[in-house]
Amino acid sequence: MTSIWLWVFVGSILGLAFVTLRRRIGFRWLGVVALNIAIAGILLYFLGLAEPYTHFHLPINMVTITTVAALGVPGLAALIGLKFLVVV
């Protein structure tokens, strides 16, 4: 049963790659997504550098990077607010 799901997953990834990379717009879209992820990682890294002064730690993982990449600075503010609300 798991091999069926594996083949469905591989087939869907190949289909998505074919549709995305078929035209030049696919490369532009991948570049924008990669740039957003890189900027999100840099923002979270600089927030981590300020940790000795602020005593605030926000981990760099896929959830935080995806949130900041999708929402930008308001996403970073939402993560900080959520951490203060839940943890502190």
PDB file of N, CA and C in Angstrom:
ATOM      1  N   MET A   1       0.821  -1.200   0.000  1.00  0.00           N
ATOM      2  CA  MET A   1       0.000   0.000   0.000  1.00  0.00           C
ATOM      3  C   MET A   1       0.865   1.265   0.000  1.00  0.00           C
ATOM      4  N   THR A   2       1.980   1.219   0.744  1.00  0.00           N
ATOM      5  CA  THR A   2       2.827   2.411   0.800  1.00  0.00           C
ATOM      6  C   THR A   2       3.530   2.653  -0.523  1.00  0.00           C
ATOM      7  N   SER A   3       3.794   1.598  -1.283  1.00  0.00           N
ATOM      8  CA  SER A   3       4.453   1.805  -2.569  1.00  0.00           C
ATOM      9  C   SER A   3       3.525   2.521  -3.550  1.00  0.00           C
ATOM     10  N   ILE A   4       2.230   2.313  -3.426  1.00  0.00           N
ATOM     11  CA  ILE A   4       1.265   3.019  -4.269  1.00  0.00           C
ATOM     12  C   ILE A   4       1.327   4.516  -3.976  1.00  0.00           C
ATOM     13  N   TRP A   5       1.344   4.865  -2.698  1.00  0.00           N
ATOM     14  CA  TRP A   5       1.413   6.277  -2.326  1.00  0.00           C
ATOM     15  C   TRP A   5       2.731   6.901  -2.758  1.00  0.00           C
ATOM     16  N   LEU A   6       3.800   6.110  -2.695  1.00  0.00           N
ATOM     17  CA  LEU A   6       5.091   6.614  -3.142  1.00  0.00           C
ATOM     18  C   LEU A   6       5.065   6.922  -4.634  1.00  0.00           C
ATOM     19  N   TRP A   7       4.488   6.030  -5.441  1.00  0.00           N
ATOM     20  CA  TRP A   7       4.404   6.273  -6.883  1.00  0.00           C
ATOM     21  C   TRP A   7       3.484   7.441  -7.211  1.00  0.00           C
ATOM     22  N   VAL A   8       2.413   7.595  -6.461  1.00  0.00           N
ATOM     23  CA  VAL A   8       1.532   8.750  -6.669  1.00  0.00           C
ATOM     24  C   VAL A   8       2.278  10.039  -6.342  1.00  0.00           C
ATOM     25  N   PHE A   9       3.044  10.027  -5.263  1.00  0.00           N
ATOM     26  CA  PHE A   9       3.815  11.202  -4.873  1.00  0.00           C
ATOM     27  C   PHE A   9       4.866  11.546  -5.929  1.00  0.00           C
ATOM     28  N   VAL A  10       5.615  10.557  -6.379  1.00  0.00           N
ATOM     29  CA  VAL A  10       6.645  10.782  -7.390  1.00  0.00           C
ATOM     30  C   VAL A  10       6.018  11.280  -8.691  1.00  0.00           C
ATOM     31  N   GLY A  11       4.897  10.678  -9.087  1.00  0.00           N
ATOM     32  CA  GLY A  11       4.225  11.114 -10.309  1.00  0.00           C
ATOM     33  C   GLY A  11       3.717  12.536 -10.217  1.00  0.00           C
ATOM     34  N   SER A  12       3.188  12.908  -9.070  1.00  0.00           N
ATOM     35  CA  SER A  12       2.681  14.269  -8.920  1.00  0.00           C
ATOM     36  C   SER A  12       3.815  15.283  -8.897  1.00  0.00           C
ATOM     37  N   ILE A  13       4.936  14.946  -8.283  1.00  0.00           N
ATOM     38  CA  ILE A  13       6.097  15.843  -8.288  1.00  0.00           C
ATOM     39  C   ILE A  13       6.628  16.022  -9.711  1.00  0.00           C
ATOM     40  N   LEU A  14       6.711  14.932 -10.460  1.00  0.00           N
ATOM     41  CA  LEU A  14       7.180  15.034 -11.843  1.00  0.00           C
ATOM     42  C   LEU A  14       6.208  15.845 -12.700  1.00  0.00           C
ATOM     43  N   GLY A  15       4.909  15.651 -12.494  1.00  0.00           N
ATOM     44  CA  GLY A  15       3.918  16.439 -13.238  1.00  0.00           C
ATOM     45  C   GLY A  15       3.991  17.914 -12.898  1.00  0.00           C
ATOM     46  N   LEU A  16       4.160  18.224 -11.615  1.00  0.00           N
ATOM     47  CA  LEU A  16       4.291  19.623 -11.206  1.00  0.00           C
ATOM     48  C   LEU A  16       5.552  20.249 -11.786  1.00  0.00           C
ATOM     49  N   ALA A  17       6.654  19.505 -11.767  1.00  0.00           N
ATOM     50  CA  ALA A  17       7.897  20.028 -12.332  1.00  0.00           C
ATOM     51  C   ALA A  17       7.749  20.257 -13.836  1.00  0.00           C
ATOM     52  N   PHE A  18       7.071  19.362 -14.537  1.00  0.00           N
ATOM     53  CA  PHE A  18       6.881  19.513 -15.977  1.00  0.00           C
ATOM     54  C   PHE A  18       6.041  20.742 -16.296  1.00  0.00           C
ATOM     55  N   VAL A  19       4.948  20.916 -15.575  1.00  0.00           N
ATOM     56  CA  VAL A  19       4.064  22.052 -15.830  1.00  0.00           C
ATOM     57  C   VAL A  19       4.751  23.364 -15.461  1.00  0.00           C
ATOM     58  N   THR A  20       5.478  23.373 -14.354  1.00  0.00           N
ATOM     59  CA  THR A  20       6.129  24.601 -13.900  1.00  0.00           C
ATOM     60  C   THR A  20       7.280  25.000 -14.808  1.00  0.00           C
ATOM     61  N   LEU A  21       8.080  24.053 -15.228  1.00  0.00           N
ATOM     62  CA  LEU A  21       9.281  24.361 -15.987  1.00  0.00           C
ATOM     63  C   LEU A  21       9.060  24.361 -17.498  1.00  0.00           C
ATOM     64  N   ARG A  22       7.845  24.123 -17.941  1.00  0.00           N
ATOM     65  CA  ARG A  22       7.559  24.077 -19.371  1.00  0.00           C
ATOM     66  C   ARG A  22       7.723  25.452 -20.016  1.00  0.00           C
ATOM     67  N   ARG A  23       7.397  26.472 -19.300  1.00  0.00           N
ATOM     68  CA  ARG A  23       7.505  27.839 -19.825  1.00  0.00           C
ATOM     69  C   ARG A  23       8.511  28.625 -18.995  1.00  0.00           C
ATOM     70  N   ARG A  24       8.903  29.753 -19.502  1.00  0.00           N
ATOM     71  CA  ARG A  24       9.871  30.593 -18.795  1.00  0.00           C
ATOM     72  C   ARG A  24       9.285  31.182 -17.517  1.00  0.00           C
ATOM     73  N   ILE A  25       7.956  31.289 -17.444  1.00  0.00           N
ATOM     74  CA  ILE A  25       7.345  31.852 -16.239  1.00  0.00           C
ATOM     75  C   ILE A  25       7.581  30.945 -15.033  1.00  0.00           C
ATOM     76  N   GLY A  26       7.780  29.658 -15.277  1.00  0.00           N
ATOM     77  CA  GLY A  26       8.057  28.737 -14.190  1.00  0.00           C
ATOM     78  C   GLY A  26       9.367  29.042 -13.504  1.00  0.00           C
ATOM     79  N   PHE A  27      10.377  29.407 -14.287  1.00  0.00           N
ATOM     80  CA  PHE A  27      11.661  29.752 -13.691  1.00  0.00           C
ATOM     81  C   PHE A  27      11.563  31.033 -12.870  1.00  0.00           C
ATOM     82  N   ARG A  28      10.805  32.000 -13.338  1.00  0.00           N
ATOM     83  CA  ARG A  28      10.629  33.245 -12.604  1.00  0.00           C
ATOM     84  C   ARG A  28       9.905  32.981 -11.281  1.00  0.00           C
ATOM     85  N   TRP A  29       8.893  32.122 -11.317  1.00  0.00           N
ATOM     86  CA  TRP A  29       8.132  31.798 -10.120  1.00  0.00           C
ATOM     87  C   TRP A  29       9.019  31.095  -9.099  1.00  0.00           C
ATOM     88  N   LEU A  30       9.846  30.156  -9.558  1.00  0.00           N
ATOM     89  CA  LEU A  30      10.748  29.472  -8.639  1.00  0.00           C
ATOM     90  C   LEU A  30      11.782  30.438  -8.055  1.00  0.00           C
ATOM     91  N   GLY A  31      12.218  31.405  -8.858  1.00  0.00           N
ATOM     92  CA  GLY A  31      13.167  32.394  -8.362  1.00  0.00           C
ATOM     93  C   GLY A  31      12.575  33.279  -7.284  1.00  0.00           C
ATOM     94  N   VAL A  32      11.321  33.670  -7.465  1.00  0.00           N
ATOM     95  CA  VAL A  32      10.652  34.508  -6.459  1.00  0.00           C
ATOM     96  C   VAL A  32      10.467  33.734  -5.158  1.00  0.00           C
ATOM     97  N   VAL A  33      10.068  32.483  -5.255  1.00  0.00           N
ATOM     98  CA  VAL A  33       9.883  31.659  -4.052  1.00  0.00           C
ATOM     99  C   VAL A  33      11.216  31.460  -3.339  1.00  0.00           C
ATOM    100  N   ALA A  34      12.272  31.173  -4.087  1.00  0.00           N
ATOM    101  CA  ALA A  34      13.590  30.992  -3.480  1.00  0.00           C
ATOM    102  C   ALA A  34      14.072  32.275  -2.813  1.00  0.00           C
ATOM    103  N   LEU A  35      13.815  33.412  -3.432  1.00  0.00           N
ATOM    104  CA  LEU A  35      14.209  34.691  -2.843  1.00  0.00           C
ATOM    105  C   LEU A  35      13.440  34.957  -1.547  1.00  0.00           C
ATOM    106  N   ASN A  36      12.142  34.674  -1.528  1.00  0.00           N
ATOM    107  CA  ASN A  36      11.349  34.865  -0.304  1.00  0.00           C
ATOM    108  C   ASN A  36      11.845  33.966   0.820  1.00  0.00           C
ATOM    109  N   ILE A  37      12.195  32.725   0.502  1.00  0.00           N
ATOM    110  CA  ILE A  37      12.700  31.806   1.526  1.00  0.00           C
ATOM    111  C   ILE A  37      14.052  32.287   2.048  1.00  0.00           C
ATOM    112  N   ALA A  38      14.908  32.769   1.168  1.00  0.00           N
ATOM    113  CA  ALA A  38      16.219  33.267   1.594  1.00  0.00           C
ATOM    114  C   ALA A  38      16.076  34.497   2.494  1.00  0.00           C
ATOM    115  N   ILE A  39      15.206  35.410   2.124  1.00  0.00           N
ATOM    116  CA  ILE A  39      14.990  36.611   2.950  1.00  0.00           C
ATOM    117  C   ILE A  39      14.405  36.228   4.304  1.00  0.00           C
ATOM    118  N   ALA A  40      13.507  35.263   4.320  1.00  0.00           N
ATOM    119  CA  ALA A  40      12.929  34.810   5.592  1.00  0.00           C
ATOM    120  C   ALA A  40      14.007  34.212   6.489  1.00  0.00           C
ATOM    121  N   GLY A  41      14.879  33.408   5.917  1.00  0.00           N
ATOM    122  CA  GLY A  41      15.967  32.833   6.705  1.00  0.00           C
ATOM    123  C   GLY A  41      16.906  33.895   7.248  1.00  0.00           C
ATOM    124  N   ILE A  42      17.191  34.909   6.439  1.00  0.00           N
ATOM    125  CA  ILE A  42      18.065  35.993   6.885  1.00  0.00           C
ATOM    126  C   ILE A  42      17.413  36.788   8.014  1.00  0.00           C
ATOM    127  N   LEU A  43      16.120  37.085   7.887  1.00  0.00           N
ATOM    128  CA  LEU A  43      15.419  37.796   8.964  1.00  0.00           C
ATOM    129  C   LEU A  43      15.447  37.008  10.266  1.00  0.00           C
ATOM    130  N   LEU A  44      15.190  35.704  10.183  1.00  0.00           N
ATOM    131  CA  LEU A  44      15.210  34.884  11.391  1.00  0.00           C
ATOM    132  C   LEU A  44      16.620  34.765  11.958  1.00  0.00           C
ATOM    133  N   TYR A  45      17.620  34.738  11.094  1.00  0.00           N
ATOM    134  CA  TYR A  45      19.009  34.685  11.558  1.00  0.00           C
ATOM    135  C   TYR A  45      19.381  35.957  12.315  1.00  0.00           C
ATOM    136  N   PHE A  46      19.003  37.121  11.767  1.00  0.00           N
ATOM    137  CA  PHE A  46      19.302  38.377  12.456  1.00  0.00           C
ATOM    138  C   PHE A  46      18.533  38.503  13.769  1.00  0.00           C
ATOM    139  N   LEU A  47      17.334  37.943  13.811  1.00  0.00           N
ATOM    140  CA  LEU A  47      16.600  37.919  15.075  1.00  0.00           C
ATOM    141  C   LEU A  47      17.335  37.042  16.088  1.00  0.00           C
ATOM    142  N   GLY A  48      17.923  35.953  15.618  1.00  0.00           N
ATOM    143  CA  GLY A  48      18.718  35.091  16.498  1.00  0.00           C
ATOM    144  C   GLY A  48      19.996  35.768  16.968  1.00  0.00           C
ATOM    145  N   LEU A  49      20.581  36.619  16.122  1.00  0.00           N
ATOM    146  CA  LEU A  49      21.780  37.356  16.540  1.00  0.00           C
ATOM    147  C   LEU A  49      21.475  38.355  17.650  1.00  0.00           C
ATOM    148  N   ALA A  50      20.264  38.847  17.686  1.00  0.00           N
ATOM    149  CA  ALA A  50      19.877  39.804  18.723  1.00  0.00           C
ATOM    150  C   ALA A  50      19.463  39.120  20.021  1.00  0.00           C
ATOM    151  N   GLU A  51      19.510  37.800  20.050  1.00  0.00           N
ATOM    152  CA  GLU A  51      19.054  37.068  21.238  1.00  0.00           C
ATOM    153  C   GLU A  51      19.816  37.413  22.518  1.00  0.00           C
ATOM    154  N   PRO A  52      21.131  37.599  22.506  1.00  0.00           N
ATOM    155  CA  PRO A  52      21.810  37.955  23.763  1.00  0.00           C
ATOM    156  C   PRO A  52      21.328  39.283  24.358  1.00  0.00           C
ATOM    157  N   TYR A  53      20.844  40.166  23.515  1.00  0.00           N
ATOM    158  CA  TYR A  53      20.387  41.468  24.004  1.00  0.00           C
ATOM    159  C   TYR A  53      18.916  41.457  24.377  1.00  0.00           C
ATOM    160  N   THR A  54      18.123  40.697  23.636  1.00  0.00           N
ATOM    161  CA  THR A  54      16.675  40.706  23.856  1.00  0.00           C
ATOM    162  C   THR A  54      16.187  39.536  24.696  1.00  0.00           C
ATOM    163  N   HIS A  55      17.015  38.508  24.860  1.00  0.00           N
ATOM    164  CA  HIS A  55      16.641  37.281  25.573  1.00  0.00           C
ATOM    165  C   HIS A  55      15.388  36.657  24.972  1.00  0.00           C
ATOM    166  N   PHE A  56      15.297  36.714  23.659  1.00  0.00           N
ATOM    167  CA  PHE A  56      14.155  36.160  22.929  1.00  0.00           C
ATOM    168  C   PHE A  56      14.690  35.237  21.838  1.00  0.00           C
ATOM    169  N   HIS A  57      14.212  33.995  21.823  1.00  0.00           N
ATOM    170  CA  HIS A  57      14.689  33.007  20.847  1.00  0.00           C
ATOM    171  C   HIS A  57      13.516  32.518  20.011  1.00  0.00           C
ATOM    172  N   LEU A  58      13.670  32.622  18.713  1.00  0.00           N
ATOM    173  CA  LEU A  58      12.701  32.082  17.766  1.00  0.00           C
ATOM    174  C   LEU A  58      13.457  31.096  16.888  1.00  0.00           C
ATOM    175  N   PRO A  59      13.103  29.805  16.926  1.00  0.00           N
ATOM    176  CA  PRO A  59      13.889  28.816  16.190  1.00  0.00           C
ATOM    177  C   PRO A  59      13.759  28.991  14.676  1.00  0.00           C
ATOM    178  N   ILE A  60      14.794  28.567  13.981  1.00  0.00           N
ATOM    179  CA  ILE A  60      14.769  28.580  12.519  1.00  0.00           C
ATOM    180  C   ILE A  60      14.441  27.158  12.072  1.00  0.00           C
ATOM    181  N   ASN A  61      13.195  26.938  11.688  1.00  0.00           N
ATOM    182  CA  ASN A  61      12.765  25.645  11.168  1.00  0.00           C
ATOM    183  C   ASN A  61      11.812  25.887  10.006  1.00  0.00           C
ATOM    184  N   MET A  62      11.306  24.825   9.431  1.00  0.00           N
ATOM    185  CA  MET A  62      10.479  24.954   8.231  1.00  0.00           C
ATOM    186  C   MET A  62       9.182  25.730   8.492  1.00  0.00           C
ATOM    187  N   VAL A  63       8.617  25.592   9.666  1.00  0.00           N
ATOM    188  CA  VAL A  63       7.365  26.293   9.963  1.00  0.00           C
ATOM    189  C   VAL A  63       7.596  27.791  10.048  1.00  0.00           C
ATOM    190  N   THR A  64       8.643  28.200  10.769  1.00  0.00           N
ATOM    191  CA  THR A  64       8.887  29.636  10.907  1.00  0.00           C
ATOM    192  C   THR A  64       9.344  30.246   9.582  1.00  0.00           C
ATOM    193  N   ILE A  65      10.185  29.534   8.838  1.00  0.00           N
ATOM    194  CA  ILE A  65      10.643  30.072   7.548  1.00  0.00           C
ATOM    195  C   ILE A  65       9.479  30.183   6.575  1.00  0.00           C
ATOM    196  N   THR A  66       8.602  29.181   6.549  1.00  0.00           N
ATOM    197  CA  THR A  66       7.453  29.225   5.643  1.00  0.00           C
ATOM    198  C   THR A  66       6.506  30.360   6.015  1.00  0.00           C
ATOM    199  N   THR A  67       6.289  30.561   7.308  1.00  0.00           N
ATOM    200  CA  THR A  67       5.403  31.636   7.748  1.00  0.00           C
ATOM    201  C   THR A  67       5.972  32.998   7.368  1.00  0.00           C
ATOM    202  N   VAL A  68       7.248  33.200   7.613  1.00  0.00           N
ATOM    203  CA  VAL A  68       7.856  34.495   7.299  1.00  0.00           C
ATOM    204  C   VAL A  68       7.971  34.683   5.785  1.00  0.00           C
ATOM    205  N   ALA A  69       8.244  33.598   5.048  1.00  0.00           N
ATOM    206  CA  ALA A  69       8.345  33.712   3.591  1.00  0.00           C
ATOM    207  C   ALA A  69       6.995  34.041   2.974  1.00  0.00           C
ATOM    208  N   ALA A  70       5.924  33.493   3.517  1.00  0.00           N
ATOM    209  CA  ALA A  70       4.595  33.733   2.943  1.00  0.00           C
ATOM    210  C   ALA A  70       4.035  35.089   3.363  1.00  0.00           C
ATOM    211  N   LEU A  71       4.274  35.499   4.608  1.00  0.00           N
ATOM    212  CA  LEU A  71       3.636  36.707   5.128  1.00  0.00           C
ATOM    213  C   LEU A  71       4.582  37.900   5.257  1.00  0.00           C
ATOM    214  N   GLY A  72       5.876  37.661   5.228  1.00  0.00           N
ATOM    215  CA  GLY A  72       6.836  38.753   5.336  1.00  0.00           C
ATOM    216  C   GLY A  72       7.012  39.220   6.774  1.00  0.00           C
ATOM    217  N   VAL A  73       7.251  40.500   6.926  1.00  0.00           N
ATOM    218  CA  VAL A  73       7.476  41.080   8.253  1.00  0.00           C
ATOM    219  C   VAL A  73       6.239  40.935   9.152  1.00  0.00           C
ATOM    220  N   PRO A  74       5.002  41.064   8.652  1.00  0.00           N
ATOM    221  CA  PRO A  74       3.856  40.796   9.522  1.00  0.00           C
ATOM    222  C   PRO A  74       3.821  39.346  10.019  1.00  0.00           C
ATOM    223  N   GLY A  75       4.325  38.414   9.216  1.00  0.00           N
ATOM    224  CA  GLY A  75       4.417  37.023   9.664  1.00  0.00           C
ATOM    225  C   GLY A  75       5.423  36.868  10.778  1.00  0.00           C
ATOM    226  N   LEU A  76       6.545  37.593  10.676  1.00  0.00           N
ATOM    227  CA  LEU A  76       7.537  37.576  11.744  1.00  0.00           C
ATOM    228  C   LEU A  76       6.952  38.168  13.022  1.00  0.00           C
ATOM    229  N   ALA A  77       6.214  39.257  12.892  1.00  0.00           N
ATOM    230  CA  ALA A  77       5.562  39.861  14.054  1.00  0.00           C
ATOM    231  C   ALA A  77       4.516  38.916  14.643  1.00  0.00           C
ATOM    232  N   ALA A  78       3.808  38.190  13.792  1.00  0.00           N
ATOM    233  CA  ALA A  78       2.813  37.231  14.280  1.00  0.00           C
ATOM    234  C   ALA A  78       3.481  36.090  15.047  1.00  0.00           C
ATOM    235  N   LEU A  79       4.618  35.606  14.573  1.00  0.00           N
ATOM    236  CA  LEU A  79       5.332  34.551  15.291  1.00  0.00           C
ATOM    237  C   LEU A  79       5.852  35.045  16.632  1.00  0.00           C
ATOM    238  N   ILE A  80       6.359  36.275  16.658  1.00  0.00           N
ATOM    239  CA  ILE A  80       6.844  36.840  17.918  1.00  0.00           C
ATOM    240  C   ILE A  80       5.680  37.003  18.895  1.00  0.00           C
ATOM    241  N   GLY A  81       4.563  37.531  18.410  1.00  0.00           N
ATOM    242  CA  GLY A  81       3.387  37.685  19.274  1.00  0.00           C
ATOM    243  C   GLY A  81       2.853  36.346  19.762  1.00  0.00           C
ATOM    244  N   LEU A  82       2.856  35.350  18.900  1.00  0.00           N
ATOM    245  CA  LEU A  82       2.380  34.023  19.292  1.00  0.00           C
ATOM    246  C   LEU A  82       3.294  33.408  20.338  1.00  0.00           C
ATOM    247  N   LYS A  83       4.596  33.607  20.200  1.00  0.00           N
ATOM    248  CA  LYS A  83       5.513  33.081  21.193  1.00  0.00           C
ATOM    249  C   LYS A  83       5.314  33.774  22.533  1.00  0.00           C
ATOM    250  N   PHE A  84       5.109  35.088  22.536  1.00  0.00           N
ATOM    251  CA  PHE A  84       4.846  35.800  23.792  1.00  0.00           C
ATOM    252  C   PHE A  84       3.534  35.354  24.405  1.00  0.00           C
ATOM    253  N   LEU A  85       2.543  35.116  23.577  1.00  0.00           N
ATOM    254  CA  LEU A  85       1.221  34.724  24.066  1.00  0.00           C
ATOM    255  C   LEU A  85       1.221  33.322  24.653  1.00  0.00           C
ATOM    256  N   VAL A  86       1.893  32.388  23.989  1.00  0.00           N
ATOM    257  CA  VAL A  86       1.838  30.992  24.393  1.00  0.00           C
ATOM    258  C   VAL A  86       2.909  30.636  25.412  1.00  0.00           C
ATOM    259  N   VAL A  87       4.142  31.075  25.186  1.00  0.00           N
ATOM    260  CA  VAL A  87       5.251  30.606  25.995  1.00  0.00           C
ATOM    261  C   VAL A  87       5.486  31.462  27.220  1.00  0.00           C
ATOM    262  N   VAL A  88       5.490  32.772  27.064  1.00  0.00           N
ATOM    263  CA  VAL A  88       5.859  33.639  28.180  1.00  0.00           C
ATOM    264  C   VAL A  88       4.697  33.899  29.086  1.00  0.00           C
TER     265      VAL A  88
END
